[in-house]
C-alpha atoms as a PDB file:
ATOM      1  CA  MET A   1      44.133 -22.130 -13.268  1.00  0.00           C
ATOM      2  CA  LYS A   2      44.970 -23.343 -10.019  1.00  0.00           C
ATOM      3  CA  GLU A   3      43.289 -22.331  -6.529  1.00  0.00           C
ATOM      4  CA  ASN A   4      45.146 -20.680  -4.062  1.00  0.00           C
ATOM      5  CA  LYS A   5      43.000 -18.931  -1.782  1.00  0.00           C
ATOM      6  CA  LYS A   6      39.778 -17.945  -0.071  1.00  0.00           C
ATOM      7  CA  PRO A   7      37.265 -15.804  -2.741  1.00  0.00           C
ATOM      8  CA  LYS A   8      36.599 -12.899  -1.239  1.00  0.00           C
ATOM      9  CA  ILE A   9      33.434 -12.475  -3.455  1.00  0.00           C
ATOM     10  CA  SER A  10      30.535 -15.392  -4.189  1.00  0.00           C
ATOM     11  CA  ILE A  11      29.095 -14.998  -7.489  1.00  0.00           C
ATOM     12  CA  ILE A  12      25.592 -16.848  -7.509  1.00  0.00           C
ATOM     13  CA  VAL A  13      24.055 -17.666 -10.917  1.00  0.00           C
ATOM     14  CA  ALA A  14      20.733 -19.773 -10.914  1.00  0.00           C
ATOM     15  CA  THR A  15      20.172 -21.489 -14.400  1.00  0.00           C
ATOM     16  CA  PHE A  16      17.375 -23.415 -16.491  1.00  0.00           C
ATOM     17  CA  ASN A  17      17.901 -24.197 -19.720  1.00  0.00           C
ATOM     18  CA  ARG A  18      19.727 -21.327 -20.930  1.00  0.00           C
ATOM     19  CA  ALA A  19      22.182 -22.979 -23.025  1.00  0.00           C
ATOM     20  CA  HIS A  20      21.977 -20.487 -25.742  1.00  0.00           C
ATOM     21  CA  PHE A  21      23.083 -17.677 -23.404  1.00  0.00           C
ATOM     22  CA  ILE A  22      25.361 -18.791 -20.598  1.00  0.00           C
ATOM     23  CA  GLU A  23      28.203 -19.460 -22.287  1.00  0.00           C
ATOM     24  CA  GLU A  24      28.499 -15.614 -23.260  1.00  0.00           C
ATOM     25  CA  SER A  25      27.404 -14.403 -19.741  1.00  0.00           C
ATOM     26  CA  LEU A  26      29.679 -16.438 -18.042  1.00  0.00           C
ATOM     27  CA  LYS A  27      32.766 -15.445 -19.863  1.00  0.00           C
ATOM     28  CA  TYR A  28      32.423 -11.386 -19.307  1.00  0.00           C
ATOM     29  CA  ILE A  29      32.465 -13.117 -15.424  1.00  0.00           C
ATOM     30  CA  VAL A  30      35.479 -14.519 -16.527  1.00  0.00           C
ATOM     31  CA  GLN A  31      36.821 -11.035 -17.798  1.00  0.00           C
ATOM     32  CA  GLN A  32      36.289  -8.968 -13.874  1.00  0.00           C
ATOM     33  CA  THR A  33      38.768  -6.898 -13.711  1.00  0.00           C
ATOM     34  CA  PHE A  34      38.589  -8.274  -9.890  1.00  0.00           C
ATOM     35  CA  ALA A  35      39.647 -11.940  -9.932  1.00  0.00           C
ATOM     36  CA  ASN A  36      39.316 -13.075  -6.482  1.00  0.00           C
ATOM     37  CA  PHE A  37      35.929 -14.646  -6.739  1.00  0.00           C
ATOM     38  CA  GLU A  38      33.808 -17.973  -6.847  1.00  0.00           C
ATOM     39  CA  CYS A  39      31.137 -18.296  -9.291  1.00  0.00           C
ATOM     40  CA  LEU A  40      28.521 -21.110  -8.046  1.00  0.00           C
ATOM     41  CA  ILE A  41      26.238 -22.090 -11.300  1.00  0.00           C
ATOM     42  CA  ILE A  42      23.095 -23.546  -9.602  1.00  0.00           C
ATOM     43  CA  ASP A  43      21.079 -25.460 -12.113  1.00  0.00           C
ATOM     44  CA  ASP A  44      17.338 -25.752 -11.919  1.00  0.00           C
ATOM     45  CA  GLY A  45      17.239 -29.386 -13.903  1.00  0.00           C
ATOM     46  CA  SER A  46      17.901 -28.270 -17.546  1.00  0.00           C
ATOM     47  CA  THR A  47      17.431 -30.652 -19.937  1.00  0.00           C
ATOM     48  CA  ASP A  48      19.412 -28.988 -23.112  1.00  0.00           C
ATOM     49  CA  ASN A  49      23.376 -28.914 -22.860  1.00  0.00           C
ATOM     50  CA  THR A  50      23.532 -25.694 -20.056  1.00  0.00           C
ATOM     51  CA  ALA A  51      25.170 -28.756 -17.953  1.00  0.00           C
ATOM     52  CA  GLU A  52      28.055 -29.197 -20.387  1.00  0.00           C
ATOM     53  CA  ILE A  53      28.986 -25.946 -20.980  1.00  0.00           C
ATOM     54  CA  ALA A  54      29.368 -24.836 -16.988  1.00  0.00           C
ATOM     55  CA  ILE A  55      31.327 -28.255 -16.105  1.00  0.00           C
ATOM     56  CA  LYS A  56      33.668 -27.485 -19.037  1.00  0.00           C
ATOM     57  CA  LEU A  57      34.471 -24.299 -17.877  1.00  0.00           C
ATOM     58  CA  SER A  58      34.678 -25.345 -14.154  1.00  0.00           C
ATOM     59  CA  LYS A  59      37.635 -27.430 -15.428  1.00  0.00           C
ATOM     60  CA  ILE A  60      39.474 -24.690 -16.804  1.00  0.00           C
ATOM     61  CA  ASP A  61      38.901 -21.943 -13.820  1.00  0.00           C
ATOM     62  CA  TYR A  62      38.513 -23.332 -10.684  1.00  0.00           C
ATOM     63  CA  ARG A  63      36.520 -20.467  -9.508  1.00  0.00           C
ATOM     64  CA  PHE A  64      33.350 -21.775 -11.553  1.00  0.00           C
ATOM     65  CA  LYS A  65      31.784 -24.475  -9.851  1.00  0.00           C
ATOM     66  CA  TYR A  66      28.623 -25.930 -11.491  1.00  0.00           C
ATOM     67  CA  PHE A  67      26.098 -27.917  -8.647  1.00  0.00           C
ATOM     68  CA  ARG A  68      22.188 -29.261  -9.358  1.00  0.00           C
ATOM     69  CA  ARG A  69      20.043 -27.757  -6.905  1.00  0.00           C
ATOM     70  CA  ASN A  70      19.590 -30.091  -3.937  1.00  0.00           C
ATOM     71  CA  LYS A  71      16.164 -31.238  -3.778  1.00  0.00           C
ATOM     72  CA  SER A  72      15.800 -29.718  -0.090  1.00  0.00           C
ATOM     73  CA  TYR A  73      15.497 -26.515  -2.203  1.00  0.00           C
ATOM     74  CA  LYS A  74      12.290 -26.031  -4.531  1.00  0.00           C
ATOM     75  CA  LYS A  75      12.319 -25.718  -7.669  1.00  0.00           C
ATOM     76  CA  GLY A  76      12.523 -22.055  -9.137  1.00  0.00           C
ATOM     77  CA  ILE A  77      15.489 -19.548  -8.657  1.00  0.00           C
ATOM     78  CA  SER A  78      14.842 -19.023  -5.087  1.00  0.00           C
ATOM     79  CA  GLY A  79      15.352 -22.579  -3.904  1.00  0.00           C
ATOM     80  CA  CYS A  80      18.716 -21.960  -6.768  1.00  0.00           C
ATOM     81  CA  ARG A  81      20.297 -18.616  -4.965  1.00  0.00           C
ATOM     82  CA  ASN A  82      19.390 -20.544  -1.539  1.00  0.00           C
ATOM     83  CA  HIS A  83      21.157 -23.264  -2.106  1.00  0.00           C
ATOM     84  CA  GLY A  84      24.142 -20.729  -3.341  1.00  0.00           C
ATOM     85  CA  LEU A  85      24.045 -18.667  -0.148  1.00  0.00           C
ATOM     86  CA  ASP A  86      24.074 -21.775   2.040  1.00  0.00           C
ATOM     87  CA  MET A  87      27.356 -23.190   0.049  1.00  0.00           C
ATOM     88  CA  ALA A  88      29.156 -19.175  -0.442  1.00  0.00           C
ATOM     89  CA  LYS A  89      32.803 -18.980   1.334  1.00  0.00           C
ATOM     90  CA  GLY A  90      32.724 -14.765   0.247  1.00  0.00           C
ATOM     91  CA  GLU A  91      32.604 -12.255   2.113  1.00  0.00           C
ATOM     92  CA  TYR A  92      30.238 -10.287  -0.157  1.00  0.00           C
ATOM     93  CA  ILE A  93      27.384 -12.007  -2.197  1.00  0.00           C
ATOM     94  CA  ILE A  94      26.380 -11.116  -5.740  1.00  0.00           C
ATOM     95  CA  PHE A  95      23.443 -12.443  -7.913  1.00  0.00           C
ATOM     96  CA  PHE A  96      23.948 -12.958 -11.806  1.00  0.00           C
ATOM     97  CA  ASP A  97      21.578 -13.926 -14.242  1.00  0.00           C
ATOM     98  CA  ASP A  98      22.289 -16.501 -17.396  1.00  0.00           C
ATOM     99  CA  ASP A  99      21.509 -14.542 -19.716  1.00  0.00           C
ATOM    100  CA  ASP A 100      22.653 -11.306 -19.242  1.00  0.00           C
ATOM    101  CA  ILE A 101      26.344  -9.594 -19.460  1.00  0.00           C
ATOM    102  CA  VAL A 102      28.490  -7.790 -16.648  1.00  0.00           C
ATOM    103  CA  HIS A 103      30.502  -4.879 -17.297  1.00  0.00           C
ATOM    104  CA  PRO A 104      34.199  -6.189 -16.358  1.00  0.00           C
ATOM    105  CA  ASP A 105      34.764  -3.902 -13.951  1.00  0.00           C
ATOM    106  CA  ASN A 106      31.657  -4.508 -12.112  1.00  0.00           C
ATOM    107  CA  LEU A 107      32.723  -6.426  -8.591  1.00  0.00           C
ATOM    108  CA  LYS A 108      36.623  -3.948  -8.567  1.00  0.00           C
ATOM    109  CA  ILE A 109      34.222  -1.053  -8.426  1.00  0.00           C
ATOM    110  CA  CYS A 110      31.548  -2.314  -6.008  1.00  0.00           C
ATOM    111  CA  LEU A 111      33.954  -3.536  -3.601  1.00  0.00           C
ATOM    112  CA  SER A 112      35.960  -0.372  -3.233  1.00  0.00           C
ATOM    113  CA  LEU A 113      33.113   1.574  -2.582  1.00  0.00           C
ATOM    114  CA  ILE A 114      31.556  -0.730  -0.041  1.00  0.00           C
ATOM    115  CA  LYS A 115      34.951  -0.727   1.614  1.00  0.00           C
ATOM    116  CA  GLU A 116      35.665   3.311   1.195  1.00  0.00           C
ATOM    117  CA  PHE A 117      32.282   3.862   2.621  1.00  0.00           C
ATOM    118  CA  ASN A 118      32.067   1.689   4.822  1.00  0.00           C
ATOM    119  CA  VAL A 119      28.602   0.111   4.338  1.00  0.00           C
ATOM    120  CA  ASP A 120      26.815  -2.955   3.604  1.00  0.00           C
ATOM    121  CA  PHE A 121      26.311  -2.833  -0.057  1.00  0.00           C
ATOM    122  CA  CYS A 122      26.854  -1.025  -3.426  1.00  0.00           C
ATOM    123  CA  ARG A 123      23.564  -0.583  -5.757  1.00  0.00           C
ATOM    124  CA  TYR A 124      24.519   0.311  -9.392  1.00  0.00           C
ATOM    125  CA  ASP A 125      22.591   0.721 -12.731  1.00  0.00           C
ATOM    126  CA  LYS A 126      21.538  -1.603 -15.438  1.00  0.00           C
ATOM    127  CA  GLU A 127      20.714  -1.095 -18.812  1.00  0.00           C
ATOM    128  CA  PRO A 128      18.351  -3.419 -21.360  1.00  0.00           C
ATOM    129  CA  PHE A 129      19.397  -4.449 -24.307  1.00  0.00           C
ATOM    130  CA  SER A 130      17.694  -6.785 -26.787  1.00  0.00           C
ATOM    131  CA  GLY A 131      19.058  -9.111 -29.702  1.00  0.00           C
ATOM    132  CA  GLU A 132      23.078  -9.561 -30.376  1.00  0.00           C
ATOM    133  CA  TRP A 133      25.132  -8.355 -27.788  1.00  0.00           C
ATOM    134  CA  ASP A 134      27.763  -5.682 -29.156  1.00  0.00           C
ATOM    135  CA  PRO A 135      30.540  -4.990 -26.697  1.00  0.00           C
ATOM    136  CA  LYS A 136      30.739  -1.086 -28.238  1.00  0.00           C
ATOM    137  CA  ILE A 137      27.618  -0.608 -25.613  1.00  0.00           C
ATOM    138  CA  ILE A 138      29.647  -1.489 -22.568  1.00  0.00           C
ATOM    139  CA  LYS A 139      30.610   2.396 -20.741  1.00  0.00           C
ATOM    140  CA  LYS A 140      33.863   3.192 -19.901  1.00  0.00           C
ATOM    141  CA  ASN A 141      33.355   6.497 -18.083  1.00  0.00           C
ATOM    142  CA  SER A 142      34.054   6.994 -14.412  1.00  0.00           C
ATOM    143  CA  LYS A 143      31.706   9.557 -13.402  1.00  0.00           C
ATOM    144  CA  PHE A 144      29.268   8.655 -11.696  1.00  0.00           C
ATOM    145  CA  LYS A 145      26.840  10.287  -8.214  1.00  0.00           C
ATOM    146  CA  ILE A 146      27.100   8.700  -5.227  1.00  0.00           C
ATOM    147  CA  GLU A 147      23.594   8.496  -2.462  1.00  0.00           C
ATOM    148  CA  ARG A 148      23.106   6.739   0.705  1.00  0.00           C
ATOM    149  CA  VAL A 149      20.268   3.944   0.622  1.00  0.00           C
ATOM    150  CA  ASP A 150      18.608   2.755   4.203  1.00  0.00           C
ATOM    151  CA  PHE A 151      15.042   2.470   5.221  1.00  0.00           C
ATOM    152  CA  HIS A 152      14.684   6.208   5.245  1.00  0.00           C
ATOM    153  CA  GLN A 153      14.801   5.625   1.576  1.00  0.00           C
ATOM    154  CA  ILE A 154      12.070   2.354   1.802  1.00  0.00           C
ATOM    155  CA  GLU A 155       9.145   4.018   0.190  1.00  0.00           C
ATOM    156  CA  GLU A 156      12.017   4.813  -3.234  1.00  0.00           C
ATOM    157  CA  VAL A 157      13.053   1.228  -3.018  1.00  0.00           C
ATOM    158  CA  ILE A 158       9.542  -0.438  -2.600  1.00  0.00           C
ATOM    159  CA  THR A 159       8.235   2.387  -5.373  1.00  0.00           C
ATOM    160  CA  GLY A 160      10.971   1.764  -7.999  1.00  0.00           C
ATOM    161  CA  LYS A 161      12.329   5.168  -7.799  1.00  0.00           C
ATOM    162  CA  ILE A 162      15.298   3.281  -7.134  1.00  0.00           C
ATOM    163  CA  ALA A 163      15.548   0.299  -8.462  1.00  0.00           C
ATOM    164  CA  PHE A 164      16.736  -2.309  -6.971  1.00  0.00           C
ATOM    165  CA  ALA A 165      17.493  -5.168  -9.256  1.00  0.00           C
ATOM    166  CA  SER A 166      17.868  -8.947  -8.467  1.00  0.00           C
ATOM    167  CA  CYS A 167      21.614  -8.494  -9.972  1.00  0.00           C
ATOM    168  CA  CYS A 168      22.448  -4.910  -9.597  1.00  0.00           C
ATOM    169  CA  ILE A 169      23.705  -4.907  -5.983  1.00  0.00           C
ATOM    170  CA  LEU A 170      26.798  -6.205  -4.075  1.00  0.00           C
ATOM    171  CA  TRP A 171      26.078  -7.686  -0.842  1.00  0.00           C
ATOM    172  CA  LYS A 172      27.789  -8.217   2.725  1.00  0.00           C
ATOM    173  CA  LYS A 173      27.244 -11.879   3.008  1.00  0.00           C
ATOM    174  CA  ASP A 174      26.266 -10.635   6.897  1.00  0.00           C
ATOM    175  CA  CYS A 175      23.307  -9.365   4.641  1.00  0.00           C
ATOM    176  CA  PHE A 176      21.686 -12.842   4.282  1.00  0.00           C
ATOM    177  CA  GLN A 177      22.807 -13.960   7.958  1.00  0.00           C
ATOM    178  CA  THR A 178      19.238 -14.803   8.752  1.00  0.00           C
ATOM    179  CA  ILE A 179      17.767 -13.691   5.448  1.00  0.00           C
ATOM    180  CA  ARG A 180      17.116 -16.270   2.681  1.00  0.00           C
ATOM    181  CA  PHE A 181      14.983 -15.598  -0.749  1.00  0.00           C
ATOM    182  CA  ASN A 182      11.237 -16.950  -0.119  1.00  0.00           C
ATOM    183  CA  GLU A 183      10.935 -19.993  -2.532  1.00  0.00           C
ATOM    184  CA  GLU A 184       7.224 -19.723  -2.323  1.00  0.00           C
ATOM    185  CA  LEU A 185       7.570 -17.052  -4.725  1.00  0.00           C
ATOM    186  CA  GLN A 186       8.249 -17.449  -8.315  1.00  0.00           C
ATOM    187  CA  TYR A 187       8.607 -13.321  -8.882  1.00  0.00           C
ATOM    188  CA  ALA A 188       9.794 -10.323  -7.523  1.00  0.00           C
ATOM    189  CA  GLU A 189      11.115 -12.743  -5.081  1.00  0.00           C
ATOM    190  CA  GLU A 190      14.393  -9.984  -4.843  1.00  0.00           C
ATOM    191  CA  TRP A 191      11.976  -7.394  -4.332  1.00  0.00           C
ATOM    192  CA  GLU A 192      10.555  -9.112  -1.442  1.00  0.00           C
ATOM    193  CA  CYS A 193      13.599 -10.316  -0.078  1.00  0.00           C
ATOM    194  CA  TYR A 194      15.574  -6.777  -0.378  1.00  0.00           C
ATOM    195  CA  SER A 195      13.415  -5.114   1.517  1.00  0.00           C
ATOM    196  CA  ARG A 196      13.422  -7.064   4.149  1.00  0.00           C
ATOM    197  CA  ILE A 197      17.155  -6.874   3.958  1.00  0.00           C
ATOM    198  CA  LEU A 198      16.489  -2.894   3.981  1.00  0.00           C
ATOM    199  CA  THR A 199      13.754  -2.340   7.263  1.00  0.00           C
ATOM    200  CA  SER A 200      16.447  -5.072   9.077  1.00  0.00           C
ATOM    201  CA  GLY A 201      18.610  -1.641   9.322  1.00  0.00           C
ATOM    202  CA  TYR A 202      21.412  -2.712   6.936  1.00  0.00           C
ATOM    203  CA  SER A 203      22.834   0.337   4.875  1.00  0.00           C
ATOM    204  CA  GLY A 204      24.545   0.748   1.541  1.00  0.00           C
ATOM    205  CA  ILE A 205      25.060   3.511  -1.208  1.00  0.00           C
ATOM    206  CA  SER A 206      23.246   3.466  -4.627  1.00  0.00           C
ATOM    207  CA  ILE A 207      25.759   5.114  -7.973  1.00  0.00           C
ATOM    208  CA  ASP A 208      24.195   5.949 -11.149  1.00  0.00           C
ATOM    209  CA  LYS A 209      27.112   3.980 -12.843  1.00  0.00           C
ATOM    210  CA  VAL A 210      25.325   1.157 -15.601  1.00  0.00           C
ATOM    211  CA  LEU A 211      27.621  -1.932 -14.460  1.00  0.00           C
ATOM    212  CA  TYR A 212      24.836  -4.517 -15.942  1.00  0.00           C
ATOM    213  CA  TYR A 213      23.302  -4.989 -19.119  1.00  0.00           C
ATOM    214  CA  ASN A 214      20.232  -7.418 -19.041  1.00  0.00           C
ATOM    215  CA  ARG A 215      19.277  -9.060 -22.353  1.00  0.00           C
ATOM    216  CA  LYS A 216      15.440  -8.793 -22.959  1.00  0.00           C
ATOM    217  CA  HIS A 217      13.468 -11.683 -25.158  1.00  0.00           C
ATOM    218  CA  PHE A 218      10.148 -13.411 -24.193  1.00  0.00           C
ATOM    219  CA  GLN A 219      11.071 -16.409 -22.339  1.00  0.00           C
ATOM    220  CA  SER A 220      12.717 -14.455 -19.282  1.00  0.00           C
ATOM    221  CA  ASN A 221      10.392 -14.184 -15.850  1.00  0.00           C
ATOM    222  CA  THR A 222       9.810 -10.437 -16.746  1.00  0.00           C
ATOM    223  CA  GLY A 223       8.566 -11.010 -20.072  1.00  0.00           C
ATOM    224  CA  GLU A 224       6.056 -13.946 -18.860  1.00  0.00           C
ATOM    225  CA  PHE A 225       4.801 -11.527 -16.303  1.00  0.00           C
ATOM    226  CA  ARG A 226       4.395  -8.376 -18.527  1.00  0.00           C
ATOM    227  CA  ASP A 227       2.557 -11.186 -20.640  1.00  0.00           C
ATOM    228  CA  ASN A 228       0.196 -12.248 -17.759  1.00  0.00           C
ATOM    229  CA  LYS A 229       1.170 -15.666 -17.312  1.00  0.00           C
ATOM    230  CA  PRO A 230      -0.421 -17.036 -13.855  1.00  0.00           C
ATOM    231  CA  ILE A 231       2.529 -18.332 -12.283  1.00  0.00           C
ATOM    232  CA  ARG A 232       4.074 -14.669 -12.191  1.00  0.00           C
ATOM    233  CA  MET A 233       1.091 -12.777 -11.848  1.00  0.00           C
ATOM    234  CA  GLU A 234      -0.101 -14.712  -8.398  1.00  0.00           C
ATOM    235  CA  SER A 235       3.126 -14.596  -7.269  1.00  0.00           C
ATOM    236  CA  LYS A 236       3.645 -10.510  -7.259  1.00  0.00           C
ATOM    237  CA  ILE A 237       0.523 -10.984  -5.519  1.00  0.00           C
ATOM    238  CA  LYS A 238       1.780 -12.703  -2.703  1.00  0.00           C
ATOM    239  CA  ALA A 239       4.580 -10.745  -2.605  1.00  0.00           C
ATOM    240  CA  ILE A 240       3.059  -7.800  -2.256  1.00  0.00           C
ATOM    241  CA  LYS A 241       1.176  -8.895   0.967  1.00  0.00           C
ATOM    242  CA  LEU A 242       4.551 -10.071   1.999  1.00  0.00           C
ATOM    243  CA  VAL A 243       6.244  -6.716   1.594  1.00  0.00           C
ATOM    244  CA  ILE A 244       3.034  -4.757   3.052  1.00  0.00           C
ATOM    245  CA  ASP A 245       3.118  -7.455   6.106  1.00  0.00           C
ATOM    246  CA  ASN A 246       6.898  -6.448   6.650  1.00  0.00           C
ATOM    247  CA  LEU A 247       6.202  -2.755   6.311  1.00  0.00           C
ATOM    248  CA  LYS A 248       3.361  -2.743   8.785  1.00  0.00           C
ATOM    249  CA  THR A 249       5.970  -4.907  11.405  1.00  0.00           C
ATOM    250  CA  ASN A 250       8.339  -2.014  10.935  1.00  0.00           C
ATOM    251  CA  ASN A 251       5.915   0.585  11.265  1.00  0.00           C
ATOM    252  CA  LEU A 252       7.319   1.660   7.977  1.00  0.00           C
ATOM    253  CA  LEU A 253       4.022   0.993   5.965  1.00  0.00           C
ATOM    254  CA  SER A 254       3.289   4.752   4.848  1.00  0.00           C
ATOM    255  CA  PRO A 255      -0.005   6.426   3.190  1.00  0.00           C
ATOM    256  CA  GLU A 256       2.079   6.440  -0.067  1.00  0.00           C
ATOM    257  CA  LEU A 257       3.137   3.198   0.113  1.00  0.00           C
ATOM    258  CA  VAL A 258      -0.576   2.389   0.710  1.00  0.00           C
ATOM    259  CA  LYS A 259      -1.804   4.079  -2.158  1.00  0.00           C
ATOM    260  CA  TYR A 260       1.058   2.162  -4.330  1.00  0.00           C
ATOM    261  CA  PHE A 261      -0.027  -0.455  -4.024  1.00  0.00           C
ATOM    262  CA  ILE A 262      -3.870   0.399  -4.882  1.00  0.00           C
ATOM    263  CA  ARG A 263      -2.786   1.419  -7.546  1.00  0.00           C
ATOM    264  CA  TRP A 264      -0.996  -1.443  -8.426  1.00  0.00           C
ATOM    265  CA  GLY A 265      -4.549  -3.210  -7.994  1.00  0.00           C
ATOM    266  CA  PHE A 266      -6.293  -1.043 -10.025  1.00  0.00           C
ATOM    267  CA  GLN A 267      -3.362  -1.469 -12.394  1.00  0.00           C
ATOM    268  CA  PHE A 268      -3.906  -4.902 -13.112  1.00  0.00           C
ATOM    269  CA  ASN A 269      -7.412  -5.691 -11.969  1.00  0.00           C
ATOM    270  CA  LYS A 270      -6.869  -7.206  -8.618  1.00  0.00           C
ATOM    271  CA  PRO A 271      -8.935  -5.928  -5.771  1.00  0.00           C
ATOM    272  CA  GLU A 272      -7.694  -8.542  -3.475  1.00  0.00           C
ATOM    273  CA  ILE A 273      -4.256  -6.042  -3.527  1.00  0.00           C
ATOM    274  CA  ILE A 274      -6.180  -2.968  -2.936  1.00  0.00           C
ATOM    275  CA  ARG A 275      -8.685  -4.707   0.015  1.00  0.00           C
ATOM    276  CA  TYR A 276      -5.079  -6.150   2.023  1.00  0.00           C
ATOM    277  CA  GLY A 277      -3.694  -2.547   1.388  1.00  0.00           C
ATOM    278  CA  LEU A 278      -6.704  -0.764   3.449  1.00  0.00           C
ATOM    279  CA  LYS A 279      -6.729  -3.765   5.792  1.00  0.00           C
ATOM    280  CA  GLN A 280      -3.364  -3.670   7.237  1.00  0.00           C
ATOM    281  CA  SER A 281      -3.348   0.076   7.381  1.00  0.00           C
ATOM    282  CA  GLU A 282      -6.021   0.275   9.040  1.00  0.00           C
ATOM    283  CA  ALA A 283      -8.171   2.159   6.802  1.00  0.00           C
ATOM    284  CA  GLY A 284     -12.010   2.830   8.263  1.00  0.00           C
ATOM    285  CA  ILE A 285     -14.772   1.744   6.440  1.00  0.00           C
ATOM    286  CA  LEU A 286     -15.813   4.633   4.736  1.00  0.00           C
ATOM    287  CA  LYS A 287     -12.170   4.449   2.787  1.00  0.00           C
ATOM    288  CA  PHE A 288     -13.121   0.861   2.168  1.00  0.00           C
ATOM    289  CA  LEU A 289     -16.298   1.881   0.284  1.00  0.00           C
ATOM    290  CA  ASN A 290     -14.660   4.296  -1.373  1.00  0.00           C
ATOM    291  CA  TYR A 291     -12.083   2.177  -3.082  1.00  0.00           C
ATOM    292  CA  GLU A 292     -14.800  -0.426  -3.641  1.00  0.00           C
ATOM    293  CA  ILE A 293     -17.067   2.195  -6.036  1.00  0.00           C
ATOM    294  CA  GLY A 294     -13.814   3.158  -6.788  1.00  0.00           C
ATOM    295  CA  PHE A 295     -13.132  -0.212  -8.145  1.00  0.00           C
ATOM    296  CA  LEU A 296     -16.242  -0.930  -9.836  1.00  0.00           C
ATOM    297  CA  PHE A 297     -16.431   2.496 -12.091  1.00  0.00           C
ATOM    298  CA  TYR A 298     -12.837   2.132 -12.582  1.00  0.00           C
ATOM    299  CA  PRO A 299     -13.434   0.647 -16.209  1.00  0.00           C
ATOM    300  CA  ILE A 300     -15.380   3.216 -17.388  1.00  0.00           C
ATOM    301  CA  LEU A 301     -13.171   6.351 -16.127  1.00  0.00           C
ATOM    302  CA  LYS A 302      -9.800   4.665 -17.084  1.00  0.00           C
ATOM    303  CA  PRO A 303      -9.994   5.822 -20.784  1.00  0.00           C
ATOM    304  CA  LEU A 304     -11.129   9.109 -19.389  1.00  0.00           C
ATOM    305  CA  PHE A 305      -7.788   9.072 -17.067  1.00  0.00           C
ATOM    306  CA  ARG A 306      -5.787   7.897 -20.308  1.00  0.00           C
ATOM    307  CA  ILE A 307      -7.009  11.336 -22.405  1.00  0.00           C
ATOM    308  CA  LYS A 308      -6.248  13.361 -18.966  1.00  0.00           C
ATOM    309  CA  GLY A 309      -2.845  12.403 -19.270  1.00  0.00           C
ATOM    310  CA  ILE A 310      -1.948  12.862 -22.494  1.00  0.00           C
ATOM    311  CA  LEU A 311      -3.295  15.846 -22.717  1.00  0.00           C
ATOM    312  CA  LEU A 312      -1.577  16.911 -19.581  1.00  0.00           C
ATOM    313  CA  ASP A 313       1.608  15.701 -21.368  1.00  0.00           C
ATOM    314  CA  LYS A 314       0.736  18.274 -24.549  1.00  0.00           C
ATOM    315  CA  LYS A 315       0.623  21.460 -22.137  1.00  0.00           C
ATOM    316  CA  HIS A 316       3.595  20.487 -20.216  1.00  0.00           C
ATOM    317  CA  GLY A 317       5.556  19.401 -23.222  1.00  0.00           C
END
């Protein structure tokens, strides 16, 4: 396949030692029904044959380009994505992971909706799978609901009611004109970055259609976070503080969001999150004392809360 025109969409795939997954993932990018794209594969220093697989494809299909992360960008997924953003030629940007499967109509559907509704992004649903990939999982149903999303829905986005996963949004490149991923973060980097995009005034749509299939395995960042790996936990805490700061700057740090961050602090036994949220919300001394006392007694009360939750579920079930 020979190059003949400027790409409309830039796909950025950050990768690291994914030779056992990336070939299958790239296969489904090749099969996209919207063909005018470039796929920038940014390698974070793989020591397996990830490079061999990517370079082989780039020699067959000009749309695929392989790069080693430039040393001017920090190691990690944020640095790789920023490297890709700075090289991207497309009018639109999307991030895919190196171990997942993309619906063949992903780009076509998202791009057509962005144009139809004249918005800055299109967010869609994903569906997890584990083990061997089965193509029969792909859903062809064309019916879906469309909802508007902007800073008015910031609470739903921050709390995950509207999930802004890293690989589930097609963006206009303009959204990243002055915004990049924070390269100090090794987890929750997209959550922090995308919240800044929303609070900058960009608006889009959300559809309840599955256009992406994320592979569940223990070596993923999410898997490591759930296993309480320190580097992921520390990054989440740092991301929370950055999100709180951004919300406060934009006068969007609502009481409900403060409560959300405080619950996170209790759940993961991180009092610094509770204190930071209260401080940035300018809570009074009595509220500080209430939460400090609550945190001390939380280990005793937690089992009671769990039993209460089970009883309520039975009552309403």
